[in-house]
Structure formats: C-alpha cells, structure tokens
Amino acid sequence: MTELSIRQSIIDHCRGMNASGLNQGTSGNISVRFGDRMLITPSGIPYETMQPDMIASLPVAGNGDYDGPKKPSVEWPFHLDIMKARPDVGAVVHTHSTYATILAMAGKPIPACHYMIAAFGGPDVRIADYARYGTKALSDSVLRAMEGRSACLMANHGMIATGATLEKAMWAAVELETLSKQYYHTLLIGGPMILPDEEIVGVLQGFATYGLQDGKTGGKAA
C-alpha cells in the first residue's frame, strides 16, 4: 500500500469504529507502521473532518518528533513504544469501547471464559496499571500487560488491540469488545466456567494452522 492509501485507511477505520459503536468521539486513536515510521491519528480532530495530510508521521526510532500540520494523538507514546518493542506489530488500535472499559474500570482482567481468549496470545487479557494518558508511565504499564499478548485493557481508561496489519488489529479490537461484553454478562449470572490452561494451549496450536490447506484436491469438505 502507498502511504496515501494507508493514511486514508486509518481515517476510514476511525470512522468505521465510531459508526459501529466501538468508539465515541475522538477518544480513540489508530497507528500503522510504514517502513521505519509510524503514522498516527492527530490530536482532537473529528474523524468526519480528518484528511490524509493531517495524519502525523513519527520515526519509530525517534522520541516523538513528528512531521505534519497537526500534532499526533496525545497517546502517541504508547503507540510508539509498542512499535519499538514489538516488531510483529504493524498497527495499534486504542478505543474506549463500552464493555472493555467497564471491566477496566472495575479492575477485572478477562480470564479464559471462552476459547477465543487465545486470539490474544494466552489464557487471559491483562489490565495495564493506571497511569495518566500520554505518559511514559502508561507506556511502561501497557508493555508489561502486553508481554506475550496482543491486547490489553487499561485501568480506568480503555483497551488496546494490535495486529500485523490494521485490518487484523481492528478485528482484534472488535473481538476484545465482544469478549468483554460476554464476560461482563456472565458475571451478572454467577460468573463463567473457566477453561484450563492446557485447553488454551491446544487452541493456540490450532490457531497456528487455522485456514491452511494441504493443497490436495478431491477430498471431502469438513
């Protein structure tokens, strides 16, 4: 993809996550790795009026210097630190989605209440300790919570989901909000049954080959 098409895709996904209810207003932000730089939504600009040239560009190896007519999102520090620490991450989606944020406000990490927890790398989704938005302390907390994981909740704040591409990161954000909603509702009726760690290990192994075909023809469809 060209840089322009990525910039437009960021805007399209921002508008999409608000239209779907995954986010509200300008509280969320999205970043995408582009070569040795990070493209990220600007601070405080309504998605409806955002234009591709407003997307800020920061060197991944830098310390916050940016190119662009608008300042990057105030949350740029954790976006940049994730990109630095995790070469596997190509995009970061941050939202204040309702159910993930409820759990984060209540201090409730998500356990293995459903096998799809494995989509985030392990038997739980952790909560990053609270720190004020835009601070190094928040970045440090997020990186700890995401060790061995592709997503986390953020205490009294929201959620972060990552992926190799923006499409995969957005899928993960939707899946995390769905799982948060399901877990929240099970808590209202006595709580879920929790799957054992060995089951999640098996699911992770299954995910590694999900969708792969052996190239043979003429076999029966599963």
Protein backbone atom coordinates (compact mmCIF):
# COMPACT_ATOMS: atom_id res chain seq x y z
CA MET A 1 0.00 0.00 0.00
CA THR A 2 1.11 3.55 -0.65
CA GLU A 3 1.49 6.00 2.20
CA LEU A 4 -1.54 7.92 0.98
CA SER A 5 -3.71 4.81 0.91
CA ILE A 6 -2.61 3.88 4.45
CA ARG A 7 -3.44 7.38 5.68
CA GLN A 8 -6.89 7.13 4.11
CA SER A 9 -7.36 3.63 5.55
CA ILE A 10 -6.62 4.97 9.05
CA ILE A 11 -9.33 7.59 8.61
CA ASP A 12 -11.79 5.06 7.19
CA HIS A 13 -11.23 2.70 10.13
CA CYS A 14 -11.62 5.54 12.63
CA ARG A 15 -14.96 6.47 11.09
CA GLY A 16 -15.95 2.80 11.00
CA MET A 17 -15.20 2.15 14.66
CA ASN A 18 -17.33 5.15 15.68
CA ALA A 19 -20.16 4.13 13.38
CA SER A 20 -20.13 0.62 14.89
CA GLY A 21 -20.11 1.89 18.47
CA LEU A 22 -16.61 0.58 19.15
CA ASN A 23 -15.54 4.12 19.99
CA GLN A 24 -17.05 7.51 20.68
CA GLY A 25 -15.97 10.96 19.54
CA THR A 26 -12.22 11.43 19.22
CA SER A 27 -11.31 9.37 22.29
CA GLY A 28 -9.79 6.55 20.23
CA ASN A 29 -6.67 6.57 18.09
CA ILE A 30 -5.02 4.39 15.47
CA SER A 31 -1.43 3.98 14.34
CA VAL A 32 0.12 2.00 11.48
CA ARG A 33 3.75 1.11 10.84
CA PHE A 34 5.02 2.35 7.47
CA GLY A 35 8.61 1.34 6.88
CA ASP A 36 10.67 2.91 9.65
CA ARG A 37 7.93 5.39 10.54
CA MET A 38 4.62 5.34 12.38
CA LEU A 39 1.51 7.04 11.00
CA ILE A 40 -0.97 8.06 13.70
CA THR A 41 -4.20 10.00 14.01
CA PRO A 42 -3.85 13.67 15.00
CA SER A 43 -4.98 15.04 18.34
CA GLY A 44 -8.54 16.26 18.76
CA ILE A 45 -9.60 16.25 15.09
CA PRO A 46 -13.11 14.86 14.45
CA TYR A 47 -12.89 11.84 12.18
CA GLU A 48 -15.52 13.29 9.86
CA THR A 49 -13.26 16.24 9.00
CA MET A 50 -9.92 14.42 9.09
CA GLN A 51 -7.91 14.45 5.88
CA PRO A 52 -4.96 12.24 4.90
CA ASP A 53 -2.41 15.05 5.21
CA MET A 54 -3.46 15.56 8.84
CA ILE A 55 -2.14 12.13 9.84
CA ALA A 56 1.10 12.65 11.77
CA SER A 57 4.28 10.74 10.87
CA LEU A 58 6.87 9.82 13.50
CA PRO A 59 10.13 7.88 13.18
CA VAL A 60 9.78 4.61 15.07
CA ALA A 61 13.31 5.02 16.41
CA GLY A 62 12.59 8.59 17.49
CA ASN A 63 11.35 10.24 20.64
CA GLY A 64 8.22 11.98 19.47
CA ASP A 65 9.44 14.31 16.73
CA TYR A 66 6.79 14.35 14.04
CA ASP A 67 6.05 15.58 10.54
CA GLY A 68 2.67 17.03 9.72
CA PRO A 69 0.49 20.09 10.13
CA LYS A 70 -1.27 18.62 13.19
CA LYS A 71 0.08 17.27 16.45
CA PRO A 72 -0.13 13.47 16.85
CA SER A 73 -2.59 11.96 19.28
CA VAL A 74 -1.68 12.63 22.89
CA GLU A 75 -1.43 8.83 23.21
CA TRP A 76 1.49 8.63 20.75
CA PRO A 77 3.95 7.47 23.48
CA PHE A 78 2.39 4.03 24.00
CA HIS A 79 1.77 3.60 20.27
CA LEU A 80 5.43 4.35 19.56
CA ASP A 81 6.75 2.23 22.43
CA ILE A 82 4.67 -0.76 21.28
CA MET A 83 6.09 -0.37 17.77
CA LYS A 84 9.63 -0.18 19.16
CA ALA A 85 9.25 -3.19 21.45
CA ARG A 86 7.17 -5.39 19.14
CA PRO A 87 8.45 -5.75 15.55
CA ASP A 88 5.50 -8.11 14.94
CA VAL A 89 3.02 -5.26 15.44
CA GLY A 90 2.06 -3.38 12.30
CA ALA A 91 -0.91 -1.48 13.73
CA VAL A 92 -2.32 -0.38 17.09
CA VAL A 93 -5.98 0.36 17.78
CA HIS A 94 -6.96 2.14 21.01
CA THR A 95 -10.61 2.70 21.95
CA HIS A 96 -12.80 3.49 24.92
CA SER A 97 -15.26 0.77 23.93
CA THR A 98 -18.05 0.32 26.47
CA TYR A 99 -17.63 -3.18 27.86
CA ALA A 100 -13.85 -3.36 27.75
CA THR A 101 -13.76 -0.02 29.57
CA ILE A 102 -16.30 -1.21 32.17
CA LEU A 103 -14.06 -4.17 33.01
CA ALA A 104 -11.00 -1.91 33.05
CA MET A 105 -12.75 0.49 35.44
CA ALA A 106 -13.74 -2.40 37.70
CA GLY A 107 -10.24 -3.86 37.69
CA LYS A 108 -11.38 -7.14 36.15
CA PRO A 109 -8.96 -8.82 33.72
CA ILE A 110 -10.59 -11.28 31.34
CA PRO A 111 -9.93 -14.96 32.16
CA ALA A 112 -10.31 -17.96 29.84
CA CYS A 113 -14.10 -17.72 29.84
CA HIS A 114 -14.18 -18.54 26.11
CA TYR A 115 -11.67 -20.25 23.86
CA MET A 116 -11.34 -17.07 21.77
CA ILE A 117 -9.22 -15.64 24.59
CA ALA A 118 -6.40 -17.48 22.78
CA ALA A 119 -6.67 -14.96 19.94
CA PHE A 120 -4.81 -12.58 22.23
CA GLY A 121 -1.92 -14.92 22.91
CA GLY A 122 -2.69 -16.68 26.18
CA PRO A 123 -5.23 -17.65 28.85
CA ASP A 124 -6.15 -14.11 29.85
CA VAL A 125 -6.26 -10.47 28.84
CA ARG A 126 -4.47 -8.44 31.49
CA ILE A 127 -5.12 -4.93 32.75
CA ALA A 128 -2.36 -2.34 32.49
CA ASP A 129 -1.98 -0.42 35.75
CA TYR A 130 -3.43 3.07 35.68
CA ALA A 131 -1.24 5.98 34.69
CA ARG A 132 -2.22 9.31 33.21
CA TYR A 133 -2.78 9.40 29.45
CA GLY A 134 0.19 10.33 27.31
CA THR A 135 2.81 9.49 29.95
CA LYS A 136 5.86 7.23 29.90
CA ALA A 137 4.42 5.53 32.98
CA LEU A 138 1.38 4.49 30.93
CA SER A 139 3.60 3.16 28.14
CA ASP A 140 5.59 1.10 30.62
CA SER A 141 2.41 -0.27 32.17
CA VAL A 142 0.97 -1.18 28.76
CA LEU A 143 4.14 -3.00 27.69
CA ARG A 144 4.11 -5.07 30.89
CA ALA A 145 0.45 -6.02 30.42
CA MET A 146 1.06 -6.95 26.78
CA GLU A 147 4.04 -9.20 27.38
CA GLY A 148 3.20 -12.34 25.42
CA ARG A 149 -0.14 -10.84 24.42
CA SER A 150 -1.54 -8.86 21.50
CA ALA A 151 -4.05 -6.81 23.52
CA CYS A 152 -4.75 -5.46 26.98
CA LEU A 153 -7.26 -3.49 29.00
CA MET A 154 -6.14 -0.20 30.52
CA ALA A 155 -7.23 0.52 34.09
CA ASN A 156 -9.82 3.32 34.26
CA HIS A 157 -9.22 4.09 30.60
CA GLY A 158 -9.99 1.67 27.75
CA MET A 159 -8.34 -1.01 25.65
CA ILE A 160 -5.54 -1.61 23.16
CA ALA A 161 -5.52 -4.20 20.38
CA THR A 162 -2.70 -4.83 17.93
CA GLY A 163 -2.13 -6.79 14.75
CA ALA A 164 0.27 -7.34 11.89
CA THR A 165 -2.00 -5.15 9.76
CA LEU A 166 -4.63 -2.52 10.50
CA GLU A 167 -7.36 -4.93 9.43
CA LYS A 168 -6.12 -7.55 11.89
CA ALA A 169 -5.76 -5.01 14.69
CA MET A 170 -9.32 -3.79 14.10
CA TRP A 171 -10.60 -7.38 14.06
CA ALA A 172 -8.85 -7.92 17.39
CA ALA A 173 -10.41 -4.78 18.85
CA VAL A 174 -13.89 -5.93 17.83
CA GLU A 175 -13.22 -9.42 19.22
CA LEU A 176 -11.92 -7.99 22.51
CA GLU A 177 -15.01 -5.83 22.96
CA THR A 178 -17.23 -8.82 22.14
CA LEU A 179 -15.42 -10.99 24.68
CA SER A 180 -15.62 -8.20 27.26
CA LYS A 181 -19.37 -7.95 26.74
CA GLN A 182 -19.82 -11.70 27.08
CA TYR A 183 -17.70 -11.86 30.23
CA TYR A 184 -19.49 -8.89 31.78
CA HIS A 185 -22.87 -10.55 31.29
CA THR A 186 -21.73 -13.88 32.72
CA LEU A 187 -20.70 -12.04 35.87
CA LEU A 188 -24.33 -10.97 36.29
CA ILE A 189 -25.48 -14.60 36.49
CA GLY A 190 -22.83 -16.05 38.74
CA GLY A 191 -19.72 -15.96 36.58
CA PRO A 192 -18.37 -18.18 33.79
CA MET A 193 -16.77 -21.58 33.83
CA ILE A 194 -13.05 -21.07 33.19
CA LEU A 195 -11.21 -23.20 30.66
CA PRO A 196 -7.97 -24.83 31.88
CA ASP A 197 -4.62 -23.52 30.64
CA GLU A 198 -3.91 -26.73 28.70
CA GLU A 199 -7.05 -26.21 26.65
CA ILE A 200 -5.94 -22.71 25.69
CA VAL A 201 -2.53 -24.11 24.70
CA GLY A 202 -4.33 -26.53 22.39
CA VAL A 203 -6.44 -23.74 20.92
CA LEU A 204 -3.31 -21.67 20.29
CA GLN A 205 -1.79 -24.59 18.42
CA GLY A 206 -4.96 -24.91 16.36
CA PHE A 207 -4.97 -21.19 15.58
CA ALA A 208 -1.43 -21.52 14.18
CA THR A 209 -2.74 -23.63 11.28
CA TYR A 210 -6.28 -22.28 11.04
CA GLY A 211 -7.27 -21.77 7.42
CA LEU A 212 -4.21 -23.53 5.99
CA GLN A 213 -4.92 -26.09 3.29
CA ASP A 214 -2.74 -29.02 2.27
CA GLY A 215 -3.19 -28.34 -1.45
CA LYS A 216 -4.89 -31.67 -2.16
CA THR A 217 -7.97 -31.82 -4.33
CA GLY A 218 -10.90 -34.16 -4.40
CA GLY A 219 -11.14 -34.61 -0.65
CA LYS A 220 -14.25 -34.20 1.40
CA ALA A 221 -15.03 -30.82 2.81
CA ALA A 222 -15.03 -30.60 6.57
